[in-house]
PDB file of N, CA and C in Angstrom:
ATOM      1  N   MET A   1     195.663 -19.642  13.801  1.00  0.00           N
ATOM      2  CA  MET A   1     195.696 -20.233  12.682  1.00  0.00           C
ATOM      3  C   MET A   1     197.203 -20.119  11.870  1.00  0.00           C
ATOM      4  N   ALA A   2     197.775 -21.411  11.213  1.00  0.00           N
ATOM      5  CA  ALA A   2     199.061 -21.407  10.957  1.00  0.00           C
ATOM      6  C   ALA A   2     198.746 -20.440   9.349  1.00  0.00           C
ATOM      7  N   ARG A   3     199.872 -19.788   9.147  1.00  0.00           N
ATOM      8  CA  ARG A   3     199.774 -19.519   7.611  1.00  0.00           C
ATOM      9  C   ARG A   3     200.641 -20.006   6.460  1.00  0.00           C
ATOM     10  N   GLY A   4     201.994 -20.480   7.211  1.00  0.00           N
ATOM     11  CA  GLY A   4     202.765 -21.351   6.289  1.00  0.00           C
ATOM     12  C   GLY A   4     202.554 -23.046   6.618  1.00  0.00           C
ATOM     13  N   LYS A   5     203.481 -23.611   6.368  1.00  0.00           N
ATOM     14  CA  LYS A   5     203.272 -25.304   6.847  1.00  0.00           C
ATOM     15  C   LYS A   5     203.661 -25.314   8.189  1.00  0.00           C
ATOM     16  N   LEU A   6     202.781 -26.747   8.811  1.00  0.00           N
ATOM     17  CA  LEU A   6     203.001 -26.652  10.266  1.00  0.00           C
ATOM     18  C   LEU A   6     204.456 -27.529  10.507  1.00  0.00           C
ATOM     19  N   TRP A   7     204.745 -26.844  11.710  1.00  0.00           N
ATOM     20  CA  TRP A   7     206.035 -27.708  12.148  1.00  0.00           C
ATOM     21  C   TRP A   7     205.572 -29.046  12.882  1.00  0.00           C
ATOM     22  N   THR A   8     206.746 -29.923  12.279  1.00  0.00           N
ATOM     23  CA  THR A   8     206.918 -31.249  12.636  1.00  0.00           C
ATOM     24  C   THR A   8     207.340 -30.982  14.006  1.00  0.00           C
ATOM     25  N   GLU A   9     207.376 -32.268  14.822  1.00  0.00           N
ATOM     26  CA  GLU A   9     207.971 -32.191  16.295  1.00  0.00           C
ATOM     27  C   GLU A   9     209.236 -32.598  15.975  1.00  0.00           C
ATOM     28  N   THR A  10     209.805 -32.994  15.203  1.00  0.00           N
ATOM     29  CA  THR A  10     211.451 -33.152  14.790  1.00  0.00           C
ATOM     30  C   THR A  10     211.549 -31.385  14.904  1.00  0.00           C
ATOM     31  N   GLU A  11     211.116 -30.808  14.230  1.00  0.00           N
ATOM     32  CA  GLU A  11     211.662 -29.261  13.904  1.00  0.00           C
ATOM     33  C   GLU A  11     211.323 -28.679  15.684  1.00  0.00           C
ATOM     34  N   ARG A  12     210.325 -28.732  16.037  1.00  0.00           N
ATOM     35  CA  ARG A  12     210.289 -28.234  17.416  1.00  0.00           C
ATOM     36  C   ARG A  12     211.460 -28.668  18.267  1.00  0.00           C
ATOM     37  N   LYS A  13     211.672 -30.107  18.024  1.00  0.00           N
ATOM     38  CA  LYS A  13     212.750 -30.442  19.112  1.00  0.00           C
ATOM     39  C   LYS A  13     214.038 -29.527  18.843  1.00  0.00           C
ATOM     40  N   ASN A  14     214.428 -29.726  17.454  1.00  0.00           N
ATOM     41  CA  ASN A  14     215.727 -28.881  16.984  1.00  0.00           C
ATOM     42  C   ASN A  14     215.759 -27.812  17.624  1.00  0.00           C
ATOM     43  N   LEU A  15     214.464 -27.057  17.229  1.00  0.00           N
ATOM     44  CA  LEU A  15     214.175 -25.649  17.413  1.00  0.00           C
ATOM     45  C   LEU A  15     214.798 -25.289  19.251  1.00  0.00           C
ATOM     46  N   ARG A  16     214.173 -25.950  20.023  1.00  0.00           N
ATOM     47  CA  ARG A  16     214.601 -26.198  21.390  1.00  0.00           C
ATOM     48  C   ARG A  16     215.644 -26.662  21.802  1.00  0.00           C
ATOM     49  N   ASP A  17     216.580 -27.352  21.031  1.00  0.00           N
ATOM     50  CA  ASP A  17     217.763 -27.467  21.313  1.00  0.00           C
ATOM     51  C   ASP A  17     218.624 -26.431  20.847  1.00  0.00           C
ATOM     52  N   HIS A  18     218.498 -25.506  19.837  1.00  0.00           N
ATOM     53  CA  HIS A  18     219.474 -24.595  19.374  1.00  0.00           C
ATOM     54  C   HIS A  18     218.894 -23.354  19.603  1.00  0.00           C
ATOM     55  N   PHE A  19     217.712 -22.982  19.613  1.00  0.00           N
ATOM     56  CA  PHE A  19     217.347 -21.433  19.146  1.00  0.00           C
ATOM     57  C   PHE A  19     218.069 -20.644  20.391  1.00  0.00           C
ATOM     58  N   SER A  20     218.565 -21.310  21.751  1.00  0.00           N
ATOM     59  CA  SER A  20     218.950 -20.444  22.694  1.00  0.00           C
ATOM     60  C   SER A  20     220.667 -19.749  22.434  1.00  0.00           C
ATOM     61  N   ASN A  21     221.117 -20.574  21.486  1.00  0.00           N
ATOM     62  CA  ASN A  21     222.610 -19.967  21.460  1.00  0.00           C
ATOM     63  C   ASN A  21     222.642 -19.991  20.136  1.00  0.00           C
ATOM     64  N   LEU A  22     221.863 -20.224  18.988  1.00  0.00           N
ATOM     65  CA  LEU A  22     222.407 -19.410  17.560  1.00  0.00           C
ATOM     66  C   LEU A  22     221.454 -18.288  17.114  1.00  0.00           C
ATOM     67  N   ALA A  23     221.688 -17.656  16.022  1.00  0.00           N
ATOM     68  CA  ALA A  23     221.089 -16.607  15.603  1.00  0.00           C
ATOM     69  C   ALA A  23     220.126 -17.224  14.743  1.00  0.00           C
ATOM     70  N   SER A  24     218.828 -16.656  14.867  1.00  0.00           N
ATOM     71  CA  SER A  24     217.802 -17.154  13.925  1.00  0.00           C
ATOM     72  C   SER A  24     218.260 -17.119  12.586  1.00  0.00           C
ATOM     73  N   SER A  25     218.525 -15.976  11.687  1.00  0.00           N
ATOM     74  CA  SER A  25     219.232 -16.171  10.455  1.00  0.00           C
ATOM     75  C   SER A  25     220.081 -17.411  10.158  1.00  0.00           C
ATOM     76  N   ARG A  26     220.555 -18.082  11.272  1.00  0.00           N
ATOM     77  CA  ARG A  26     221.546 -19.103  10.943  1.00  0.00           C
ATOM     78  C   ARG A  26     220.478 -20.258  11.173  1.00  0.00           C
ATOM     79  N   LEU A  27     219.749 -20.007  12.063  1.00  0.00           N
ATOM     80  CA  LEU A  27     218.721 -21.425  11.930  1.00  0.00           C
ATOM     81  C   LEU A  27     217.915 -21.253  10.950  1.00  0.00           C
ATOM     82  N   ALA A  28     217.380 -20.410  10.346  1.00  0.00           N
ATOM     83  CA  ALA A  28     216.852 -20.722   9.196  1.00  0.00           C
ATOM     84  C   ALA A  28     217.238 -21.297   7.657  1.00  0.00           C
ATOM     85  N   ASP A  29     218.767 -21.228   7.918  1.00  0.00           N
ATOM     86  CA  ASP A  29     219.503 -22.201   6.860  1.00  0.00           C
ATOM     87  C   ASP A  29     219.228 -23.711   7.062  1.00  0.00           C
ATOM     88  N   ALA A  30     219.053 -23.858   8.581  1.00  0.00           N
ATOM     89  CA  ALA A  30     219.202 -25.371   8.878  1.00  0.00           C
ATOM     90  C   ALA A  30     217.584 -25.671   9.032  1.00  0.00           C
ATOM     91  N   PHE A  31     216.201 -24.705   8.862  1.00  0.00           N
ATOM     92  CA  PHE A  31     215.045 -25.172   8.527  1.00  0.00           C
ATOM     93  C   PHE A  31     214.487 -24.739   7.202  1.00  0.00           C
ATOM     94  N   PRO A  32     214.690 -25.493   6.161  1.00  0.00           N
ATOM     95  CA  PRO A  32     214.441 -25.109   4.986  1.00  0.00           C
ATOM     96  C   PRO A  32     212.843 -24.539   4.990  1.00  0.00           C
ATOM     97  N   GLY A  33     212.786 -23.534   4.014  1.00  0.00           N
ATOM     98  CA  GLY A  33     211.198 -22.982   3.947  1.00  0.00           C
ATOM     99  C   GLY A  33     210.530 -22.340   5.138  1.00  0.00           C
ATOM    100  N   ARG A  34     211.712 -21.854   6.310  1.00  0.00           N
ATOM    101  CA  ARG A  34     211.288 -21.474   7.284  1.00  0.00           C
ATOM    102  C   ARG A  34     212.059 -19.824   7.620  1.00  0.00           C
ATOM    103  N   THR A  35     211.506 -18.781   7.721  1.00  0.00           N
ATOM    104  CA  THR A  35     212.172 -17.607   7.936  1.00  0.00           C
ATOM    105  C   THR A  35     212.844 -17.246   9.430  1.00  0.00           C
ATOM    106  N   PRO A  36     213.457 -16.153   9.455  1.00  0.00           N
ATOM    107  CA  PRO A  36     213.752 -15.776  10.899  1.00  0.00           C
ATOM    108  C   PRO A  36     212.858 -15.803  11.646  1.00  0.00           C
ATOM    109  N   ARG A  37     211.808 -14.955  10.807  1.00  0.00           N
ATOM    110  CA  ARG A  37     210.795 -14.525  11.665  1.00  0.00           C
ATOM    111  C   ARG A  37     209.451 -15.633  11.872  1.00  0.00           C
ATOM    112  N   ALA A  38     209.529 -16.741  11.089  1.00  0.00           N
ATOM    113  CA  ALA A  38     208.921 -17.804  11.780  1.00  0.00           C
ATOM    114  C   ALA A  38     209.655 -18.537  12.627  1.00  0.00           C
ATOM    115  N   ILE A  39     210.975 -18.592  12.531  1.00  0.00           N
ATOM    116  CA  ILE A  39     211.461 -19.308  13.570  1.00  0.00           C
ATOM    117  C   ILE A  39     211.528 -18.679  14.979  1.00  0.00           C
ATOM    118  N   ASN A  40     211.292 -17.373  15.190  1.00  0.00           N
ATOM    119  CA  ASN A  40     211.163 -16.426  16.140  1.00  0.00           C
ATOM    120  C   ASN A  40     209.506 -16.789  16.918  1.00  0.00           C
ATOM    121  N   ASP A  41     208.495 -16.721  15.854  1.00  0.00           N
ATOM    122  CA  ASP A  41     207.566 -17.082  16.524  1.00  0.00           C
ATOM    123  C   ASP A  41     207.221 -18.343  16.908  1.00  0.00           C
ATOM    124  N   GLN A  42     207.750 -19.070  16.118  1.00  0.00           N
ATOM    125  CA  GLN A  42     207.896 -20.810  16.886  1.00  0.00           C
ATOM    126  C   GLN A  42     208.376 -20.499  17.929  1.00  0.00           C
ATOM    127  N   ALA A  43     209.396 -20.257  18.442  1.00  0.00           N
ATOM    128  CA  ALA A  43     210.039 -20.187  19.605  1.00  0.00           C
ATOM    129  C   ALA A  43     209.127 -19.503  21.027  1.00  0.00           C
ATOM    130  N   GLN A  44     208.732 -18.649  20.518  1.00  0.00           N
ATOM    131  CA  GLN A  44     207.913 -18.086  21.210  1.00  0.00           C
ATOM    132  C   GLN A  44     206.798 -18.573  21.592  1.00  0.00           C
ATOM    133  N   SER A  45     206.127 -19.400  20.735  1.00  0.00           N
ATOM    134  CA  SER A  45     205.137 -20.223  21.079  1.00  0.00           C
ATOM    135  C   SER A  45     205.339 -21.242  22.060  1.00  0.00           C
ATOM    136  N   LEU A  46     206.799 -21.777  21.791  1.00  0.00           N
ATOM    137  CA  LEU A  46     207.156 -22.886  22.563  1.00  0.00           C
ATOM    138  C   LEU A  46     208.041 -22.561  24.048  1.00  0.00           C
ATOM    139  N   GLY A  47     207.936 -20.870  23.963  1.00  0.00           N
ATOM    140  CA  GLY A  47     208.166 -20.488  25.093  1.00  0.00           C
ATOM    141  C   GLY A  47     209.883 -20.718  25.435  1.00  0.00           C
ATOM    142  N   VAL A  48     210.708 -20.644  24.032  1.00  0.00           N
ATOM    143  CA  VAL A  48     212.015 -20.908  24.216  1.00  0.00           C
ATOM    144  C   VAL A  48     212.601 -19.784  24.191  1.00  0.00           C
ATOM    145  N   LYS A  49     213.748 -18.973  25.090  1.00  0.00           N
ATOM    146  CA  LYS A  49     214.378 -17.824  24.709  1.00  0.00           C
ATOM    147  C   LYS A  49     215.822 -17.731  24.576  1.00  0.00           C
ATOM    148  N   LYS A  50     216.412 -16.791  24.040  1.00  0.00           N
ATOM    149  CA  LYS A  50     217.913 -16.864  23.774  1.00  0.00           C
ATOM    150  C   LYS A  50     218.436 -16.971  25.298  1.00  0.00           C
ATOM    151  N   SER A  51     219.626 -17.453  25.067  1.00  0.00           N
ATOM    152  CA  SER A  51     220.556 -17.451  26.472  1.00  0.00           C
ATOM    153  C   SER A  51     221.404 -16.303  26.890  1.00  0.00           C
ATOM    154  N   ARG A  52     221.302 -16.162  27.857  1.00  0.00           N
ATOM    155  CA  ARG A  52     222.121 -14.756  28.431  1.00  0.00           C
ATOM    156  C   ARG A  52     223.421 -14.564  27.673  1.00  0.00           C
ATOM    157  N   GLU A  53     224.204 -15.377  27.413  1.00  0.00           N
ATOM    158  CA  GLU A  53     225.259 -15.344  26.180  1.00  0.00           C
ATOM    159  C   GLU A  53     224.847 -14.888  25.384  1.00  0.00           C
ATOM    160  N   ARG A  54     224.028 -15.442  24.230  1.00  0.00           N
ATOM    161  CA  ARG A  54     223.603 -14.952  23.136  1.00  0.00           C
ATOM    162  C   ARG A  54     222.965 -13.817  23.161  1.00  0.00           C
ATOM    163  N   LEU A  55     222.299 -13.390  24.037  1.00  0.00           N
ATOM    164  CA  LEU A  55     221.882 -11.680  24.172  1.00  0.00           C
ATOM    165  C   LEU A  55     222.965 -11.014  24.090  1.00  0.00           C
ATOM    166  N   ALA A  56     223.958 -11.262  24.834  1.00  0.00           N
ATOM    167  CA  ALA A  56     224.948 -10.479  25.201  1.00  0.00           C
ATOM    168  C   ALA A  56     225.842 -10.321  23.786  1.00  0.00           C
ATOM    169  N   GLU A  57     226.038 -11.306  23.171  1.00  0.00           N
ATOM    170  CA  GLU A  57     226.508 -11.301  21.699  1.00  0.00           C
ATOM    171  C   GLU A  57     225.761 -10.458  20.879  1.00  0.00           C
ATOM    172  N   MET A  58     224.209 -10.446  20.890  1.00  0.00           N
ATOM    173  CA  MET A  58     223.552  -9.621  19.734  1.00  0.00           C
ATOM    174  C   MET A  58     223.715  -8.465  20.169  1.00  0.00           C
ATOM    175  N   GLY A  59     223.903  -8.321  21.534  1.00  0.00           N
ATOM    176  CA  GLY A  59     224.044  -6.605  22.158  1.00  0.00           C
ATOM    177  C   GLY A  59     225.479  -6.155  21.486  1.00  0.00           C
ATOM    178  N   ARG A  60     226.455  -7.040  21.779  1.00  0.00           N
ATOM    179  CA  ARG A  60     227.624  -6.113  21.096  1.00  0.00           C
ATOM    180  C   ARG A  60     227.420  -5.982  19.668  1.00  0.00           C
ATOM    181  N   ALA A  61     227.011  -6.971  19.189  1.00  0.00           N
ATOM    182  CA  ALA A  61     226.588  -7.096  17.501  1.00  0.00           C
ATOM    183  C   ALA A  61     226.129  -5.614  16.968  1.00  0.00           C
ATOM    184  N   ASN A  62     225.154  -5.644  17.633  1.00  0.00           N
ATOM    185  CA  ASN A  62     224.319  -4.367  17.353  1.00  0.00           C
ATOM    186  C   ASN A  62     224.982  -3.002  18.021  1.00  0.00           C
ATOM    187  N   ALA A  63     225.471  -2.908  18.834  1.00  0.00           N
ATOM    188  CA  ALA A  63     226.086  -1.870  19.293  1.00  0.00           C
ATOM    189  C   ALA A  63     227.206  -1.354  18.368  1.00  0.00           C
ATOM    190  N   PHE A  64     227.979  -2.472  17.793  1.00  0.00           N
ATOM    191  CA  PHE A  64     228.935  -1.992  16.881  1.00  0.00           C
ATOM    192  C   PHE A  64     228.393  -1.398  15.540  1.00  0.00           C
ATOM    193  N   VAL A  65     227.290  -2.157  14.957  1.00  0.00           N
ATOM    194  CA  VAL A  65     226.669  -1.412  13.945  1.00  0.00           C
ATOM    195  C   VAL A  65     226.119  -0.098  14.195  1.00  0.00           C
ATOM    196  N   ARG A  66     225.517   0.223  15.389  1.00  0.00           N
ATOM    197  CA  ARG A  66     225.156   1.565  15.480  1.00  0.00           C
ATOM    198  C   ARG A  66     225.981   2.371  15.345  1.00  0.00           C
ATOM    199  N   TRP A  67     227.225   1.925  16.277  1.00  0.00           N
ATOM    200  CA  TRP A  67     228.579   2.983  16.132  1.00  0.00           C
ATOM    201  C   TRP A  67     228.982   3.275  14.573  1.00  0.00           C
ATOM    202  N   ARG A  68     229.227   2.180  13.983  1.00  0.00           N
ATOM    203  CA  ARG A  68     229.152   2.449  12.842  1.00  0.00           C
ATOM    204  C   ARG A  68     228.315   3.064  11.592  1.00  0.00           C
ATOM    205  N   ARG A  69     227.353   3.031  11.774  1.00  0.00           N
ATOM    206  CA  ARG A  69     226.638   3.653  11.641  1.00  0.00           C
ATOM    207  C   ARG A  69     226.702   5.492  11.724  1.00  0.00           C
ATOM    208  N   GLY A  70     226.914   5.652  12.725  1.00  0.00           N
ATOM    209  CA  GLY A  70     227.113   6.934  13.395  1.00  0.00           C
ATOM    210  C   GLY A  70     228.168   7.405  12.832  1.00  0.00           C
ATOM    211  N   GLN A  71     229.451   6.650  12.507  1.00  0.00           N
ATOM    212  CA  GLN A  71     230.442   6.986  12.297  1.00  0.00           C
ATOM    213  C   GLN A  71     230.477   7.624  10.834  1.00  0.00           C
ATOM    214  N   GLU A  72     229.250   6.655   9.999  1.00  0.00           N
ATOM    215  CA  GLU A  72     229.209   7.178   8.446  1.00  0.00           C
ATOM    216  C   GLU A  72     228.518   8.567   8.487  1.00  0.00           C
ATOM    217  N   GLU A  73     227.766   8.957   9.285  1.00  0.00           N
ATOM    218  CA  GLU A  73     227.018   9.587   9.259  1.00  0.00           C
ATOM    219  C   GLU A  73     227.706  11.297  10.105  1.00  0.00           C
ATOM    220  N   THR A  74     228.466  11.020  10.806  1.00  0.00           N
ATOM    221  CA  THR A  74     229.298  12.060  11.246  1.00  0.00           C
ATOM    222  C   THR A  74     230.163  12.867  10.108  1.00  0.00           C
ATOM    223  N   PRO A  75     229.883  14.218  10.077  1.00  0.00           N
ATOM    224  CA  PRO A  75     231.244  14.832   9.133  1.00  0.00           C
ATOM    225  C   PRO A  75     232.268  14.860   9.193  1.00  0.00           C
ATOM    226  N   GLU A  76     233.367  14.776   8.541  1.00  0.00           N
ATOM    227  CA  GLU A  76     234.870  14.730   9.168  1.00  0.00           C
ATOM    228  C   GLU A  76     235.384  16.528   9.203  1.00  0.00           C
ATOM    229  N   ALA A  77     235.946  16.096  10.299  1.00  0.00           N
ATOM    230  CA  ALA A  77     236.686  17.877  10.585  1.00  0.00           C
ATOM    231  C   ALA A  77     237.559  18.082   9.418  1.00  0.00           C
ATOM    232  N   GLY A  78     237.347  19.326   8.964  1.00  0.00           N
ATOM    233  CA  GLY A  78     238.513  19.663   8.163  1.00  0.00           C
ATOM    234  C   GLY A  78     238.491  20.949   7.970  1.00  0.00           C
TER     235      GLY A  78
END
C-alpha cells in the first residue's frame, strides 16, 4: 500500500530514464515531494538499477568519506 502520493506514469518514465546515472539525492530535487528513499523504493519496484559507472563513482565517494573520517579519528603523532 502506498504511504505517500501515487507515482504518475510520467514520473516513472523519468525515473527509468535517469535513475541509473544520477544520485538519488539529485533526483529528489527533480521530483518535488519525493525523498531519496522514496525514489530508491520506486526504482526497486520498477526493477531499475544504478549503472556500473555510477556504482563505481559512489564507491569512490564513499571510500573518500571513510578515509577522511579515519583521518579525523587518528591522533596526531607528537
